[in-house]
């Protein structure tokens, strides 16, 4: 991410002139979002994107015996799996189902919480 506009590379408190072209750290693709006017906000957005990518690297879908208290955003810990523990996960989607064949079942979609 890079700041673009009439902002200084010195941060949000110092304003200067229009930047000729945005410059980001490192090589490769550079994301320029028009709403990011300062280096500070560009760095914050880059950190948020990295954090989101790390969380989405761990994902799971599973069913449990009815758990009416679970809601999206809750943190759960999944343990005792044959492939190993997943650790703490954040619930993205929760679906409660009641039918005559299986009874009360809660289907969960989750991602890493870190």
Protein backbone atom coordinates (compact mmCIF):
# COMPACT_ATOMS: atom_id res chain seq x y z
CA UNK A 1 0.00 0.00 0.00
CA UNK A 2 1.13 3.52 -0.68
CA UNK A 3 -0.24 6.95 0.09
CA UNK A 4 -1.42 9.03 -2.85
CA UNK A 5 -2.28 12.70 -2.90
CA UNK A 6 -1.28 15.92 -1.19
CA UNK A 7 0.32 14.26 1.80
CA UNK A 8 3.79 14.05 3.17
CA UNK A 9 5.77 10.86 3.64
CA UNK A 10 6.39 12.23 7.16
CA UNK A 11 2.94 11.19 8.41
CA UNK A 12 -0.57 12.48 8.97
CA UNK A 13 0.41 15.71 10.73
CA UNK A 14 2.58 17.19 7.99
CA UNK A 15 1.19 18.25 4.60
CA UNK A 16 3.26 19.22 1.59
CA UNK A 17 2.64 18.91 -2.15
CA UNK A 18 1.16 16.47 -4.61
CA UNK A 19 3.24 13.35 -4.96
CA UNK A 20 4.33 12.78 -8.54
CA UNK A 21 4.02 9.01 -8.23
CA UNK A 22 3.44 6.82 -5.18
CA UNK A 23 6.40 4.83 -3.94
CA UNK A 24 6.02 1.74 -1.79
CA UNK A 25 8.47 -0.41 0.08
CA UNK A 26 9.95 -3.37 -1.76
CA UNK A 27 9.51 -4.46 -5.33
CA UNK A 28 6.57 -5.98 -7.09
CA UNK A 29 2.95 -4.89 -7.29
CA UNK A 30 1.98 -1.70 -5.50
CA UNK A 31 -1.56 -1.07 -4.29
CA UNK A 32 -2.74 2.55 -4.42
CA UNK A 33 -6.09 3.32 -2.81
CA UNK A 34 -7.28 6.87 -3.46
CA UNK A 35 -8.68 7.23 0.07
CA UNK A 36 -5.24 6.69 1.64
CA UNK A 37 -3.75 10.16 1.81
CA UNK A 38 -0.92 9.59 4.28
CA UNK A 39 1.89 7.13 4.75
CA UNK A 40 0.48 6.22 8.19
CA UNK A 41 -2.90 5.13 6.82
CA UNK A 42 -1.28 3.25 3.94
CA UNK A 43 0.90 1.32 6.42
CA UNK A 44 -2.15 0.58 8.62
CA UNK A 45 -4.06 -0.82 5.66
CA UNK A 46 -1.08 -2.93 4.59
CA UNK A 47 -0.85 -4.41 8.12
CA UNK A 48 -4.59 -5.13 8.12
CA UNK A 49 -4.32 -6.93 4.76
CA UNK A 50 -1.39 -9.03 5.98
CA UNK A 51 -3.32 -9.94 9.14
CA UNK A 52 -6.38 -10.92 7.08
CA UNK A 53 -4.25 -13.12 4.82
CA UNK A 54 -2.70 -14.87 7.84
CA UNK A 55 -6.14 -15.51 9.38
CA UNK A 56 -7.57 -16.91 6.15
CA UNK A 57 -4.65 -19.35 5.81
CA UNK A 58 -6.32 -21.46 8.51
CA UNK A 59 -9.90 -22.39 7.73
CA UNK A 60 -12.37 -25.06 8.78
CA UNK A 61 -15.94 -26.23 8.26
CA UNK A 62 -17.43 -28.65 10.74
CA UNK A 63 -20.63 -29.76 12.44
CA UNK A 64 -21.29 -30.17 16.14
CA UNK A 65 -24.21 -31.35 18.21
CA UNK A 66 -26.56 -28.36 18.50
CA UNK A 67 -24.85 -25.37 20.12
CA UNK A 68 -27.45 -22.56 20.26
CA UNK A 69 -25.09 -20.13 21.99
CA UNK A 70 -22.61 -19.91 19.10
CA UNK A 71 -22.72 -16.82 16.89
CA UNK A 72 -20.51 -15.43 14.08
CA UNK A 73 -17.51 -13.63 15.57
CA UNK A 74 -17.23 -15.99 18.56
CA UNK A 75 -13.87 -17.61 19.28
CA UNK A 76 -13.77 -21.40 19.60
CA UNK A 77 -10.96 -23.87 20.20
CA UNK A 78 -10.95 -27.07 18.18
CA UNK A 79 -9.00 -29.94 19.76
CA UNK A 80 -8.65 -33.74 19.61
CA UNK A 81 -8.77 -34.00 15.81
CA UNK A 82 -6.95 -36.94 14.17
CA UNK A 83 -4.89 -34.47 12.07
CA UNK A 84 -4.01 -32.30 15.10
CA UNK A 85 -5.39 -29.29 16.91
CA UNK A 86 -6.42 -26.24 14.90
CA UNK A 87 -6.10 -23.89 17.85
CA UNK A 88 -8.37 -20.89 18.38
CA UNK A 89 -10.67 -20.07 15.45
CA UNK A 90 -13.08 -17.19 14.78
CA UNK A 91 -16.54 -18.23 13.55
CA UNK A 92 -17.50 -16.68 10.23
CA UNK A 93 -20.85 -18.42 9.72
CA UNK A 94 -23.12 -20.42 12.01
CA UNK A 95 -26.16 -22.41 10.83
CA UNK A 96 -28.48 -24.14 13.27
CA UNK A 97 -30.57 -26.98 11.82
CA UNK A 98 -33.28 -29.09 13.43
CA UNK A 99 -34.63 -32.12 11.55
CA UNK A 100 -36.14 -35.51 12.32
CA UNK A 101 -33.19 -37.53 10.99
CA UNK A 102 -30.21 -35.86 12.69
CA UNK A 103 -31.79 -33.80 15.43
CA UNK A 104 -30.27 -30.44 16.38
CA UNK A 105 -27.01 -29.77 14.49
CA UNK A 106 -24.88 -26.62 14.27
CA UNK A 107 -22.73 -26.17 11.13
CA UNK A 108 -19.75 -23.85 11.55
CA UNK A 109 -17.39 -22.06 9.15
CA UNK A 110 -14.29 -20.61 10.78
CA UNK A 111 -10.90 -19.02 10.13
CA UNK A 112 -7.77 -18.47 12.21
CA UNK A 113 -8.15 -15.98 15.04
CA UNK A 114 -4.63 -14.55 15.13
